[in-house]
Amino acid sequence: MKEHDMRNTDSRGIDVNSIVHFQETFRILQSEIGKAVNLQLDYWRDLEQTNPSVQKLLYLGSKITLQGDAVREAYKNAYAVNPNNIRMLKMYGNFLKDIMNDSFEAQRVLEK
């Protein structure tokens, strides 16, 4: 009986709705980062060609900029729900460092 009471007491402090909400915002963040990475890969593949299309590179560059904004917005939403999630902070920090080449902001996020 005592163990049963302890289990019920421990689960009372957990807000299941906030966990589910964070998981959804984290999934959106992962999706947005995936899109940004794919755009970067397309850009560099096209740039490596012998005669790259300047118009296509400009188009991909603008899409990369817009997608970077979408990733930042998704991060802000996930951070507002759970600012201490290690996995989210590492993923976003590494995205900033490796994909967006923003080492200053990446270091700030990774230090959290």
PDB file of N, CA and C in Angstrom:
ATOM      1  N   MET A   1       0.811  -1.192   0.000  1.00  0.00           N
ATOM      2  CA  MET A   1       0.000   0.000   0.000  1.00  0.00           C
ATOM      3  C   MET A   1       0.860   1.264   0.000  1.00  0.00           C
ATOM      4  N   LYS A   2       1.920   1.213   0.787  1.00  0.00           N
ATOM      5  CA  LYS A   2       2.791   2.373   0.875  1.00  0.00           C
ATOM      6  C   LYS A   2       3.440   2.667  -0.480  1.00  0.00           C
ATOM      7  N   GLU A   3       3.895   1.611  -1.184  1.00  0.00           N
ATOM      8  CA  GLU A   3       4.487   1.796  -2.511  1.00  0.00           C
ATOM      9  C   GLU A   3       3.465   2.350  -3.493  1.00  0.00           C
ATOM     10  N   HIS A   4       2.236   1.886  -3.407  1.00  0.00           N
ATOM     11  CA  HIS A   4       1.172   2.376  -4.280  1.00  0.00           C
ATOM     12  C   HIS A   4       0.925   3.868  -4.049  1.00  0.00           C
ATOM     13  N   ASP A   5       0.908   4.280  -2.790  1.00  0.00           N
ATOM     14  CA  ASP A   5       0.714   5.700  -2.470  1.00  0.00           C
ATOM     15  C   ASP A   5       1.885   6.547  -2.978  1.00  0.00           C
ATOM     16  N   MET A   6       3.108   6.029  -2.866  1.00  0.00           N
ATOM     17  CA  MET A   6       4.276   6.767  -3.328  1.00  0.00           C
ATOM     18  C   MET A   6       4.248   6.940  -4.844  1.00  0.00           C
ATOM     19  N   ARG A   7       3.843   5.910  -5.565  1.00  0.00           N
ATOM     20  CA  ARG A   7       3.754   6.012  -7.024  1.00  0.00           C
ATOM     21  C   ARG A   7       2.716   7.041  -7.427  1.00  0.00           C
ATOM     22  N   ASN A   8       1.589   7.052  -6.777  1.00  0.00           N
ATOM     23  CA  ASN A   8       0.544   8.013  -7.101  1.00  0.00           C
ATOM     24  C   ASN A   8       0.961   9.437  -6.741  1.00  0.00           C
ATOM     25  N   THR A   9       1.690   9.582  -5.657  1.00  0.00           N
ATOM     26  CA  THR A   9       2.159  10.897  -5.238  1.00  0.00           C
ATOM     27  C   THR A   9       3.172  11.448  -6.236  1.00  0.00           C
ATOM     28  N   ASP A  10       4.088  10.609  -6.712  1.00  0.00           N
ATOM     29  CA  ASP A  10       5.110  11.059  -7.657  1.00  0.00           C
ATOM     30  C   ASP A  10       4.504  11.533  -8.966  1.00  0.00           C
ATOM     31  N   SER A  11       3.459  10.910  -9.429  1.00  0.00           N
ATOM     32  CA  SER A  11       2.897  11.263 -10.732  1.00  0.00           C
ATOM     33  C   SER A  11       1.968  12.475 -10.665  1.00  0.00           C
ATOM     34  N   ARG A  12       1.624  12.910  -9.495  1.00  0.00           N
ATOM     35  CA  ARG A  12       0.720  14.058  -9.378  1.00  0.00           C
ATOM     36  C   ARG A  12       1.382  15.364  -9.795  1.00  0.00           C
ATOM     37  N   GLY A  13       2.688  15.481  -9.625  1.00  0.00           N
ATOM     38  CA  GLY A  13       3.401  16.705  -9.969  1.00  0.00           C
ATOM     39  C   GLY A  13       3.730  16.825 -11.441  1.00  0.00           C
ATOM     40  N   ILE A  14       3.437  15.806 -12.232  1.00  0.00           N
ATOM     41  CA  ILE A  14       3.773  15.813 -13.658  1.00  0.00           C
ATOM     42  C   ILE A  14       2.585  16.340 -14.453  1.00  0.00           C
ATOM     43  N   ASP A  15       2.851  17.317 -15.276  1.00  0.00           N
ATOM     44  CA  ASP A  15       1.822  17.873 -16.145  1.00  0.00           C
ATOM     45  C   ASP A  15       1.932  17.201 -17.510  1.00  0.00           C
ATOM     46  N   VAL A  16       1.069  16.233 -17.756  1.00  0.00           N
ATOM     47  CA  VAL A  16       1.104  15.448 -18.987  1.00  0.00           C
ATOM     48  C   VAL A  16       0.842  16.338 -20.199  1.00  0.00           C
ATOM     49  N   ASN A  17      -0.027  17.304 -20.056  1.00  0.00           N
ATOM     50  CA  ASN A  17      -0.329  18.192 -21.184  1.00  0.00           C
ATOM     51  C   ASN A  17       0.906  18.978 -21.614  1.00  0.00           C
ATOM     52  N   SER A  18       1.694  19.451 -20.668  1.00  0.00           N
ATOM     53  CA  SER A  18       2.885  20.208 -21.042  1.00  0.00           C
ATOM     54  C   SER A  18       3.929  19.293 -21.689  1.00  0.00           C
ATOM     55  N   ILE A  19       4.008  18.052 -21.257  1.00  0.00           N
ATOM     56  CA  ILE A  19       4.938  17.096 -21.871  1.00  0.00           C
ATOM     57  C   ILE A  19       4.539  16.829 -23.315  1.00  0.00           C
ATOM     58  N   VAL A  20       3.283  16.595 -23.543  1.00  0.00           N
ATOM     59  CA  VAL A  20       2.785  16.335 -24.902  1.00  0.00           C
ATOM     60  C   VAL A  20       2.977  17.575 -25.776  1.00  0.00           C
ATOM     61  N   HIS A  21       2.702  18.734 -25.212  1.00  0.00           N
ATOM     62  CA  HIS A  21       2.885  19.979 -25.958  1.00  0.00           C
ATOM     63  C   HIS A  21       4.355  20.190 -26.328  1.00  0.00           C
ATOM     64  N   PHE A  22       5.255  19.913 -25.393  1.00  0.00           N
ATOM     65  CA  PHE A  22       6.683  20.045 -25.690  1.00  0.00           C
ATOM     66  C   PHE A  22       7.107  19.057 -26.763  1.00  0.00           C
ATOM     67  N   GLN A  23       6.635  17.825 -26.672  1.00  0.00           N
ATOM     68  CA  GLN A  23       6.998  16.833 -27.682  1.00  0.00           C
ATOM     69  C   GLN A  23       6.561  17.277 -29.073  1.00  0.00           C
ATOM     70  N   GLU A  24       5.404  17.887 -29.172  1.00  0.00           N
ATOM     71  CA  GLU A  24       4.920  18.376 -30.463  1.00  0.00           C
ATOM     72  C   GLU A  24       5.784  19.537 -30.956  1.00  0.00           C
ATOM     73  N   THR A  25       6.126  20.475 -30.077  1.00  0.00           N
ATOM     74  CA  THR A  25       6.964  21.593 -30.505  1.00  0.00           C
ATOM     75  C   THR A  25       8.377  21.117 -30.851  1.00  0.00           C
ATOM     76  N   PHE A  26       8.861  20.112 -30.144  1.00  0.00           N
ATOM     77  CA  PHE A  26      10.181  19.552 -30.433  1.00  0.00           C
ATOM     78  C   PHE A  26      10.179  18.838 -31.780  1.00  0.00           C
ATOM     79  N   ARG A  27       9.103  18.131 -32.079  1.00  0.00           N
ATOM     80  CA  ARG A  27       8.972  17.450 -33.371  1.00  0.00           C
ATOM     81  C   ARG A  27       8.969  18.476 -34.508  1.00  0.00           C
ATOM     82  N   ILE A  28       8.280  19.586 -34.310  1.00  0.00           N
ATOM     83  CA  ILE A  28       8.254  20.649 -35.318  1.00  0.00           C
ATOM     84  C   ILE A  28       9.655  21.224 -35.508  1.00  0.00           C
ATOM     85  N   LEU A  29      10.382  21.438 -34.410  1.00  0.00           N
ATOM     86  CA  LEU A  29      11.749  21.940 -34.490  1.00  0.00           C
ATOM     87  C   LEU A  29      12.630  20.978 -35.291  1.00  0.00           C
ATOM     88  N   GLN A  30      12.521  19.699 -35.010  1.00  0.00           N
ATOM     89  CA  GLN A  30      13.299  18.702 -35.744  1.00  0.00           C
ATOM     90  C   GLN A  30      12.970  18.741 -37.237  1.00  0.00           C
ATOM     91  N   SER A  31      11.708  18.860 -37.547  1.00  0.00           N
ATOM     92  CA  SER A  31      11.277  18.908 -38.943  1.00  0.00           C
ATOM     93  C   SER A  31      11.836  20.142 -39.646  1.00  0.00           C
ATOM     94  N   GLU A  32      11.767  21.288 -38.994  1.00  0.00           N
ATOM     95  CA  GLU A  32      12.279  22.528 -39.587  1.00  0.00           C
ATOM     96  C   GLU A  32      13.793  22.465 -39.782  1.00  0.00           C
ATOM     97  N   ILE A  33      14.499  21.879 -38.831  1.00  0.00           N
ATOM     98  CA  ILE A  33      15.951  21.722 -38.976  1.00  0.00           C
ATOM     99  C   ILE A  33      16.253  20.786 -40.141  1.00  0.00           C
ATOM    100  N   GLY A  34      15.494  19.720 -40.277  1.00  0.00           N
ATOM    101  CA  GLY A  34      15.679  18.802 -41.401  1.00  0.00           C
ATOM    102  C   GLY A  34      15.497  19.493 -42.739  1.00  0.00           C
ATOM    103  N   LYS A  35      14.497  20.345 -42.837  1.00  0.00           N
ATOM    104  CA  LYS A  35      14.271  21.096 -44.077  1.00  0.00           C
ATOM    105  C   LYS A  35      15.445  22.028 -44.367  1.00  0.00           C
ATOM    106  N   ALA A  36      15.950  22.695 -43.337  1.00  0.00           N
ATOM    107  CA  ALA A  36      17.079  23.612 -43.510  1.00  0.00           C
ATOM    108  C   ALA A  36      18.327  22.865 -43.973  1.00  0.00           C
ATOM    109  N   VAL A  37      18.564  21.707 -43.399  1.00  0.00           N
ATOM    110  CA  VAL A  37      19.723  20.905 -43.777  1.00  0.00           C
ATOM    111  C   VAL A  37      19.610  20.466 -45.233  1.00  0.00           C
ATOM    112  N   ASN A  38      18.427  20.022 -45.636  1.00  0.00           N
ATOM    113  CA  ASN A  38      18.238  19.598 -47.024  1.00  0.00           C
ATOM    114  C   ASN A  38      18.447  20.747 -47.999  1.00  0.00           C
ATOM    115  N   LEU A  39      17.993  21.939 -47.640  1.00  0.00           N
ATOM    116  CA  LEU A  39      18.220  23.098 -48.502  1.00  0.00           C
ATOM    117  C   LEU A  39      19.710  23.418 -48.621  1.00  0.00           C
ATOM    118  N   GLN A  40      20.424  23.324 -47.514  1.00  0.00           N
ATOM    119  CA  GLN A  40      21.871  23.561 -47.544  1.00  0.00           C
ATOM    120  C   GLN A  40      22.569  22.536 -48.437  1.00  0.00           C
ATOM    121  N   LEU A  41      22.164  21.273 -48.328  1.00  0.00           N
ATOM    122  CA  LEU A  41      22.756  20.230 -49.165  1.00  0.00           C
ATOM    123  C   LEU A  41      22.488  20.497 -50.645  1.00  0.00           C
ATOM    124  N   ASP A  42      21.262  20.881 -50.976  1.00  0.00           N
ATOM    125  CA  ASP A  42      20.929  21.210 -52.366  1.00  0.00           C
ATOM    126  C   ASP A  42      21.779  22.370 -52.868  1.00  0.00           C
ATOM    127  N   TYR A  43      21.934  23.385 -52.042  1.00  0.00           N
ATOM    128  CA  TYR A  43      22.718  24.552 -52.410  1.00  0.00           C
ATOM    129  C   TYR A  43      24.165  24.160 -52.731  1.00  0.00           C
ATOM    130  N   TRP A  44      24.777  23.384 -51.839  1.00  0.00           N
ATOM    131  CA  TRP A  44      26.178  23.021 -52.046  1.00  0.00           C
ATOM    132  C   TRP A  44      26.353  22.032 -53.186  1.00  0.00           C
ATOM    133  N   ARG A  45      25.375  21.164 -53.412  1.00  0.00           N
ATOM    134  CA  ARG A  45      25.446  20.267 -54.575  1.00  0.00           C
ATOM    135  C   ARG A  45      25.417  21.072 -55.869  1.00  0.00           C
ATOM    136  N   ASP A  46      24.525  22.050 -55.919  1.00  0.00           N
ATOM    137  CA  ASP A  46      24.443  22.873 -57.123  1.00  0.00           C
ATOM    138  C   ASP A  46      25.698  23.726 -57.294  1.00  0.00           C
ATOM    139  N   LEU A  47      26.255  24.209 -56.223  1.00  0.00           N
ATOM    140  CA  LEU A  47      27.449  25.034 -56.287  1.00  0.00           C
ATOM    141  C   LEU A  47      28.656  24.235 -56.775  1.00  0.00           C
ATOM    142  N   GLU A  48      28.687  22.950 -56.493  1.00  0.00           N
ATOM    143  CA  GLU A  48      29.804  22.106 -56.913  1.00  0.00           C
ATOM    144  C   GLU A  48      29.774  21.762 -58.397  1.00  0.00           C
ATOM    145  N   GLN A  49      28.665  22.004 -59.072  1.00  0.00           N
ATOM    146  CA  GLN A  49      28.576  21.688 -60.497  1.00  0.00           C
ATOM    147  C   GLN A  49      29.535  22.559 -61.291  1.00  0.00           C
ATOM    148  N   THR A  50      29.853  22.095 -62.488  1.00  0.00           N
ATOM    149  CA  THR A  50      30.773  22.827 -63.352  1.00  0.00           C
ATOM    150  C   THR A  50      30.220  24.197 -63.724  1.00  0.00           C
ATOM    151  N   ASN A  51      28.954  24.252 -64.114  1.00  0.00           N
ATOM    152  CA  ASN A  51      28.292  25.513 -64.461  1.00  0.00           C
ATOM    153  C   ASN A  51      27.022  25.671 -63.633  1.00  0.00           C
ATOM    154  N   PRO A  52      27.159  26.122 -62.396  1.00  0.00           N
ATOM    155  CA  PRO A  52      25.955  26.247 -61.556  1.00  0.00           C
ATOM    156  C   PRO A  52      25.035  27.360 -62.059  1.00  0.00           C
ATOM    157  N   SER A  53      23.753  27.152 -61.870  1.00  0.00           N
ATOM    158  CA  SER A  53      22.754  28.146 -62.236  1.00  0.00           C
ATOM    159  C   SER A  53      22.689  29.215 -61.142  1.00  0.00           C
ATOM    160  N   VAL A  54      23.000  30.432 -61.510  1.00  0.00           N
ATOM    161  CA  VAL A  54      23.004  31.527 -60.543  1.00  0.00           C
ATOM    162  C   VAL A  54      21.593  31.767 -60.013  1.00  0.00           C
ATOM    163  N   GLN A  55      20.606  31.686 -60.891  1.00  0.00           N
ATOM    164  CA  GLN A  55      19.219  31.895 -60.464  1.00  0.00           C
ATOM    165  C   GLN A  55      18.798  30.861 -59.428  1.00  0.00           C
ATOM    166  N   LYS A  56      19.186  29.605 -59.673  1.00  0.00           N
ATOM    167  CA  LYS A  56      18.825  28.546 -58.725  1.00  0.00           C
ATOM    168  C   LYS A  56      19.542  28.760 -57.392  1.00  0.00           C
ATOM    169  N   LEU A  57      20.798  29.181 -57.452  1.00  0.00           N
ATOM    170  CA  LEU A  57      21.535  29.441 -56.217  1.00  0.00           C
ATOM    171  C   LEU A  57      20.923  30.600 -55.442  1.00  0.00           C
ATOM    172  N   LEU A  58      20.497  31.638 -56.135  1.00  0.00           N
ATOM    173  CA  LEU A  58      19.823  32.750 -55.462  1.00  0.00           C
ATOM    174  C   LEU A  58      18.516  32.299 -54.830  1.00  0.00           C
ATOM    175  N   TYR A  59      17.775  31.484 -55.564  1.00  0.00           N
ATOM    176  CA  TYR A  59      16.511  30.961 -55.047  1.00  0.00           C
ATOM    177  C   TYR A  59      16.751  30.118 -53.791  1.00  0.00           C
ATOM    178  N   LEU A  60      17.722  29.194 -53.882  1.00  0.00           N
ATOM    179  CA  LEU A  60      18.017  28.353 -52.719  1.00  0.00           C
ATOM    180  C   LEU A  60      18.541  29.180 -51.546  1.00  0.00           C
ATOM    181  N   GLY A  61      19.336  30.205 -51.825  1.00  0.00           N
ATOM    182  CA  GLY A  61      19.838  31.073 -50.759  1.00  0.00           C
ATOM    183  C   GLY A  61      18.718  31.784 -50.026  1.00  0.00           C
ATOM    184  N   SER A  62      17.733  32.266 -50.785  1.00  0.00           N
ATOM    185  CA  SER A  62      16.603  32.935 -50.128  1.00  0.00           C
ATOM    186  C   SER A  62      15.762  31.937 -49.341  1.00  0.00           C
ATOM    187  N   LYS A  63      15.611  30.728 -49.882  1.00  0.00           N
ATOM    188  CA  LYS A  63      14.866  29.693 -49.147  1.00  0.00           C
ATOM    189  C   LYS A  63      15.600  29.310 -47.862  1.00  0.00           C
ATOM    190  N   ILE A  64      16.925  29.249 -47.911  1.00  0.00           N
ATOM    191  CA  ILE A  64      17.716  28.920 -46.726  1.00  0.00           C
ATOM    192  C   ILE A  64      17.521  29.989 -45.656  1.00  0.00           C
ATOM    193  N   THR A  65      17.507  31.251 -46.070  1.00  0.00           N
ATOM    194  CA  THR A  65      17.298  32.342 -45.118  1.00  0.00           C
ATOM    195  C   THR A  65      15.923  32.246 -44.464  1.00  0.00           C
ATOM    196  N   LEU A  66      14.897  32.013 -45.280  1.00  0.00           N
ATOM    197  CA  LEU A  66      13.537  31.883 -44.737  1.00  0.00           C
ATOM    198  C   LEU A  66      13.417  30.667 -43.829  1.00  0.00           C
ATOM    199  N   GLN A  67      14.074  29.566 -44.211  1.00  0.00           N
ATOM    200  CA  GLN A  67      14.006  28.357 -43.395  1.00  0.00           C
ATOM    201  C   GLN A  67      14.751  28.557 -42.075  1.00  0.00           C
ATOM    202  N   GLY A  68      15.836  29.322 -42.102  1.00  0.00           N
ATOM    203  CA  GLY A  68      16.542  29.647 -40.859  1.00  0.00           C
ATOM    204  C   GLY A  68      15.643  30.402 -39.900  1.00  0.00           C
ATOM    205  N   ASP A  69      14.832  31.311 -40.442  1.00  0.00           N
ATOM    206  CA  ASP A  69      13.864  32.038 -39.612  1.00  0.00           C
ATOM    207  C   ASP A  69      12.816  31.093 -39.039  1.00  0.00           C
ATOM    208  N   ALA A  70      12.375  30.120 -39.853  1.00  0.00           N
ATOM    209  CA  ALA A  70      11.383  29.148 -39.378  1.00  0.00           C
ATOM    210  C   ALA A  70      11.963  28.282 -38.259  1.00  0.00           C
ATOM    211  N   VAL A  71      13.234  27.925 -38.378  1.00  0.00           N
ATOM    212  CA  VAL A  71      13.894  27.132 -37.324  1.00  0.00           C
ATOM    213  C   VAL A  71      13.988  27.952 -36.047  1.00  0.00           C
ATOM    214  N   ARG A  72      14.366  29.219 -36.153  1.00  0.00           N
ATOM    215  CA  ARG A  72      14.452  30.076 -34.963  1.00  0.00           C
ATOM    216  C   ARG A  72      13.100  30.204 -34.268  1.00  0.00           C
ATOM    217  N   GLU A  73      12.052  30.346 -35.053  1.00  0.00           N
ATOM    218  CA  GLU A  73      10.699  30.455 -34.490  1.00  0.00           C
ATOM    219  C   GLU A  73      10.294  29.151 -33.798  1.00  0.00           C
ATOM    220  N   ALA A  74      10.596  28.019 -34.433  1.00  0.00           N
ATOM    221  CA  ALA A  74      10.278  26.724 -33.824  1.00  0.00           C
ATOM    222  C   ALA A  74      11.066  26.533 -32.530  1.00  0.00           C
ATOM    223  N   TYR A  75      12.327  26.983 -32.522  1.00  0.00           N
ATOM    224  CA  TYR A  75      13.137  26.893 -31.303  1.00  0.00           C
ATOM    225  C   TYR A  75      12.544  27.758 -30.199  1.00  0.00           C
ATOM    226  N   LYS A  76      12.144  28.966 -30.533  1.00  0.00           N
ATOM    227  CA  LYS A  76      11.545  29.852 -29.529  1.00  0.00           C
ATOM    228  C   LYS A  76      10.290  29.218 -28.926  1.00  0.00           C
ATOM    229  N   ASN A  77       9.471  28.584 -29.759  1.00  0.00           N
ATOM    230  CA  ASN A  77       8.257  27.932 -29.264  1.00  0.00           C
ATOM    231  C   ASN A  77       8.589  26.768 -28.337  1.00  0.00           C
ATOM    232  N   ALA A  78       9.551  25.941 -28.725  1.00  0.00           N
ATOM    233  CA  ALA A  78       9.934  24.801 -27.887  1.00  0.00           C
ATOM    234  C   ALA A  78      10.608  25.283 -26.601  1.00  0.00           C
ATOM    235  N   TYR A  79      11.425  26.314 -26.713  1.00  0.00           N
ATOM    236  CA  TYR A  79      12.124  26.861 -25.540  1.00  0.00           C
ATOM    237  C   TYR A  79      11.133  27.446 -24.539  1.00  0.00           C
ATOM    238  N   ALA A  80      10.056  28.048 -25.046  1.00  0.00           N
ATOM    239  CA  ALA A  80       9.048  28.626 -24.154  1.00  0.00           C
ATOM    240  C   ALA A  80       8.347  27.547 -23.337  1.00  0.00           C
ATOM    241  N   VAL A  81       8.215  26.349 -23.907  1.00  0.00           N
ATOM    242  CA  VAL A  81       7.541  25.258 -23.203  1.00  0.00           C
ATOM    243  C   VAL A  81       8.479  24.585 -22.207  1.00  0.00           C
ATOM    244  N   ASN A  82       9.737  24.326 -22.642  1.00  0.00           N
ATOM    245  CA  ASN A  82      10.695  23.654 -21.766  1.00  0.00           C
ATOM    246  C   ASN A  82      12.097  24.173 -22.065  1.00  0.00           C
ATOM    247  N   PRO A  83      12.548  25.189 -21.355  1.00  0.00           N
ATOM    248  CA  PRO A  83      13.851  25.789 -21.661  1.00  0.00           C
ATOM    249  C   PRO A  83      15.054  24.962 -21.213  1.00  0.00           C
ATOM    250  N   ASN A  84      14.841  23.884 -20.484  1.00  0.00           N
ATOM    251  CA  ASN A  84      15.953  23.112 -19.940  1.00  0.00           C
ATOM    252  C   ASN A  84      16.127  21.745 -20.574  1.00  0.00           C
ATOM    253  N   ASN A  85      15.523  21.509 -21.715  1.00  0.00           N
ATOM    254  CA  ASN A  85      15.656  20.209 -22.364  1.00  0.00           C
ATOM    255  C   ASN A  85      17.022  20.120 -23.041  1.00  0.00           C
ATOM    256  N   ILE A  86      17.851  19.223 -22.553  1.00  0.00           N
ATOM    257  CA  ILE A  86      19.233  19.097 -23.025  1.00  0.00           C
ATOM    258  C   ILE A  86      19.272  18.713 -24.507  1.00  0.00           C
ATOM    259  N   ARG A  87      18.453  17.781 -24.890  1.00  0.00           N
ATOM    260  CA  ARG A  87      18.453  17.310 -26.278  1.00  0.00           C
ATOM    261  C   ARG A  87      18.112  18.446 -27.248  1.00  0.00           C
ATOM    262  N   MET A  88      17.128  19.243 -26.901  1.00  0.00           N
ATOM    263  CA  MET A  88      16.729  20.362 -27.746  1.00  0.00           C
ATOM    264  C   MET A  88      17.857  21.388 -27.839  1.00  0.00           C
ATOM    265  N   LEU A  89      18.456  21.722 -26.705  1.00  0.00           N
ATOM    266  CA  LEU A  89      19.528  22.716 -26.689  1.00  0.00           C
ATOM    267  C   LEU A  89      20.734  22.249 -27.500  1.00  0.00           C
ATOM    268  N   LYS A  90      21.106  20.978 -27.359  1.00  0.00           N
ATOM    269  CA  LYS A  90      22.234  20.438 -28.119  1.00  0.00           C
ATOM    270  C   LYS A  90      21.928  20.433 -29.612  1.00  0.00           C
ATOM    271  N   MET A  91      20.730  20.007 -29.974  1.00  0.00           N
ATOM    272  CA  MET A  91      20.362  19.935 -31.381  1.00  0.00           C
ATOM    273  C   MET A  91      20.365  21.326 -32.016  1.00  0.00           C
ATOM    274  N   TYR A  92      19.758  22.294 -31.353  1.00  0.00           N
ATOM    275  CA  TYR A  92      19.695  23.649 -31.899  1.00  0.00           C
ATOM    276  C   TYR A  92      21.081  24.298 -31.903  1.00  0.00           C
ATOM    277  N   GLY A  93      21.858  24.094 -30.862  1.00  0.00           N
ATOM    278  CA  GLY A  93      23.213  24.639 -30.812  1.00  0.00           C
ATOM    279  C   GLY A  93      24.097  24.085 -31.919  1.00  0.00           C
ATOM    280  N   ASN A  94      24.006  22.783 -32.147  1.00  0.00           N
ATOM    281  CA  ASN A  94      24.782  22.174 -33.224  1.00  0.00           C
ATOM    282  C   ASN A  94      24.287  22.634 -34.594  1.00  0.00           C
ATOM    283  N   PHE A  95      22.990  22.855 -34.723  1.00  0.00           N
ATOM    284  CA  PHE A  95      22.447  23.398 -35.966  1.00  0.00           C
ATOM    285  C   PHE A  95      23.044  24.778 -36.236  1.00  0.00           C
ATOM    286  N   LEU A  96      23.066  25.621 -35.216  1.00  0.00           N
ATOM    287  CA  LEU A  96      23.633  26.959 -35.382  1.00  0.00           C
ATOM    288  C   LEU A  96      25.111  26.892 -35.752  1.00  0.00           C
ATOM    289  N   LYS A  97      25.832  26.006 -35.099  1.00  0.00           N
ATOM    290  CA  LYS A  97      27.272  25.902 -35.315  1.00  0.00           C
ATOM    291  C   LYS A  97      27.593  25.283 -36.678  1.00  0.00           C
ATOM    292  N   ASP A  98      26.974  24.160 -36.996  1.00  0.00           N
ATOM    293  CA  ASP A  98      27.353  23.398 -38.184  1.00  0.00           C
ATOM    294  C   ASP A  98      26.639  23.827 -39.464  1.00  0.00           C
ATOM    295  N   ILE A  99      25.418  24.281 -39.360  1.00  0.00           N
ATOM    296  CA  ILE A  99      24.638  24.601 -40.556  1.00  0.00           C
ATOM    297  C   ILE A  99      24.603  26.109 -40.810  1.00  0.00           C
ATOM    298  N   MET A 100      24.320  26.884 -39.779  1.00  0.00           N
ATOM    299  CA  MET A 100      24.177  28.330 -39.962  1.00  0.00           C
ATOM    300  C   MET A 100      25.492  29.095 -39.753  1.00  0.00           C
ATOM    301  N   ASN A 101      26.528  28.407 -39.291  1.00  0.00           N
ATOM    302  CA  ASN A 101      27.843  29.013 -39.050  1.00  0.00           C
ATOM    303  C   ASN A 101      27.773  30.219 -38.110  1.00  0.00           C
ATOM    304  N   ASP A 102      26.931  30.102 -37.108  1.00  0.00           N
ATOM    305  CA  ASP A 102      26.805  31.155 -36.093  1.00  0.00           C
ATOM    306  C   ASP A 102      27.421  30.624 -34.800  1.00  0.00           C
ATOM    307  N   SER A 103      28.740  30.658 -34.741  1.00  0.00           N
ATOM    308  CA  SER A 103      29.438  30.038 -33.609  1.00  0.00           C
ATOM    309  C   SER A 103      29.185  30.763 -32.288  1.00  0.00           C
ATOM    310  N   PHE A 104      28.994  32.076 -32.333  1.00  0.00           N
ATOM    311  CA  PHE A 104      28.756  32.829 -31.100  1.00  0.00           C
ATOM    312  C   PHE A 104      27.431  32.406 -30.460  1.00  0.00           C
ATOM    313  N   GLU A 105      26.361  32.442 -31.228  1.00  0.00           N
ATOM    314  CA  GLU A 105      25.041  32.054 -30.708  1.00  0.00           C
ATOM    315  C   GLU A 105      25.021  30.560 -30.355  1.00  0.00           C
ATOM    316  N   ALA A 106      25.696  29.743 -31.164  1.00  0.00           N
ATOM    317  CA  ALA A 106      25.762  28.304 -30.888  1.00  0.00           C
ATOM    318  C   ALA A 106      26.422  28.049 -29.539  1.00  0.00           C
ATOM    319  N   GLN A 107      27.494  28.742 -29.268  1.00  0.00           N
ATOM    320  CA  GLN A 107      28.197  28.571 -27.993  1.00  0.00           C
ATOM    321  C   GLN A 107      27.305  28.972 -26.825  1.00  0.00           C
ATOM    322  N   ARG A 108      26.564  30.046 -27.005  1.00  0.00           N
ATOM    323  CA  ARG A 108      25.658  30.507 -25.948  1.00  0.00           C
ATOM    324  C   ARG A 108      24.570  29.461 -25.658  1.00  0.00           C
ATOM    325  N   VAL A 109      24.030  28.872 -26.713  1.00  0.00           N
ATOM    326  CA  VAL A 109      22.982  27.857 -26.522  1.00  0.00           C
ATOM    327  C   VAL A 109      23.567  26.589 -25.930  1.00  0.00           C
ATOM    328  N   LEU A 110      24.715  26.167 -26.432  1.00  0.00           N
ATOM    329  CA  LEU A 110      25.314  24.925 -25.940  1.00  0.00           C
ATOM    330  C   LEU A 110      25.797  25.039 -24.493  1.00  0.00           C
ATOM    331  N   GLU A 111      26.119  26.235 -24.039  1.00  0.00           N
ATOM    332  CA  GLU A 111      26.525  26.413 -22.650  1.00  0.00           C
ATOM    333  C   GLU A 111      25.375  26.267 -21.672  1.00  0.00           C
ATOM    334  N   LYS A 112      24.156  26.458 -22.146  1.00  0.00           N
ATOM    335  CA  LYS A 112      22.988  26.309 -21.268  1.00  0.00           C
ATOM    336  C   LYS A 112      22.886  24.865 -20.836  1.00  0.00           C
TER     337      LYS A 112
END
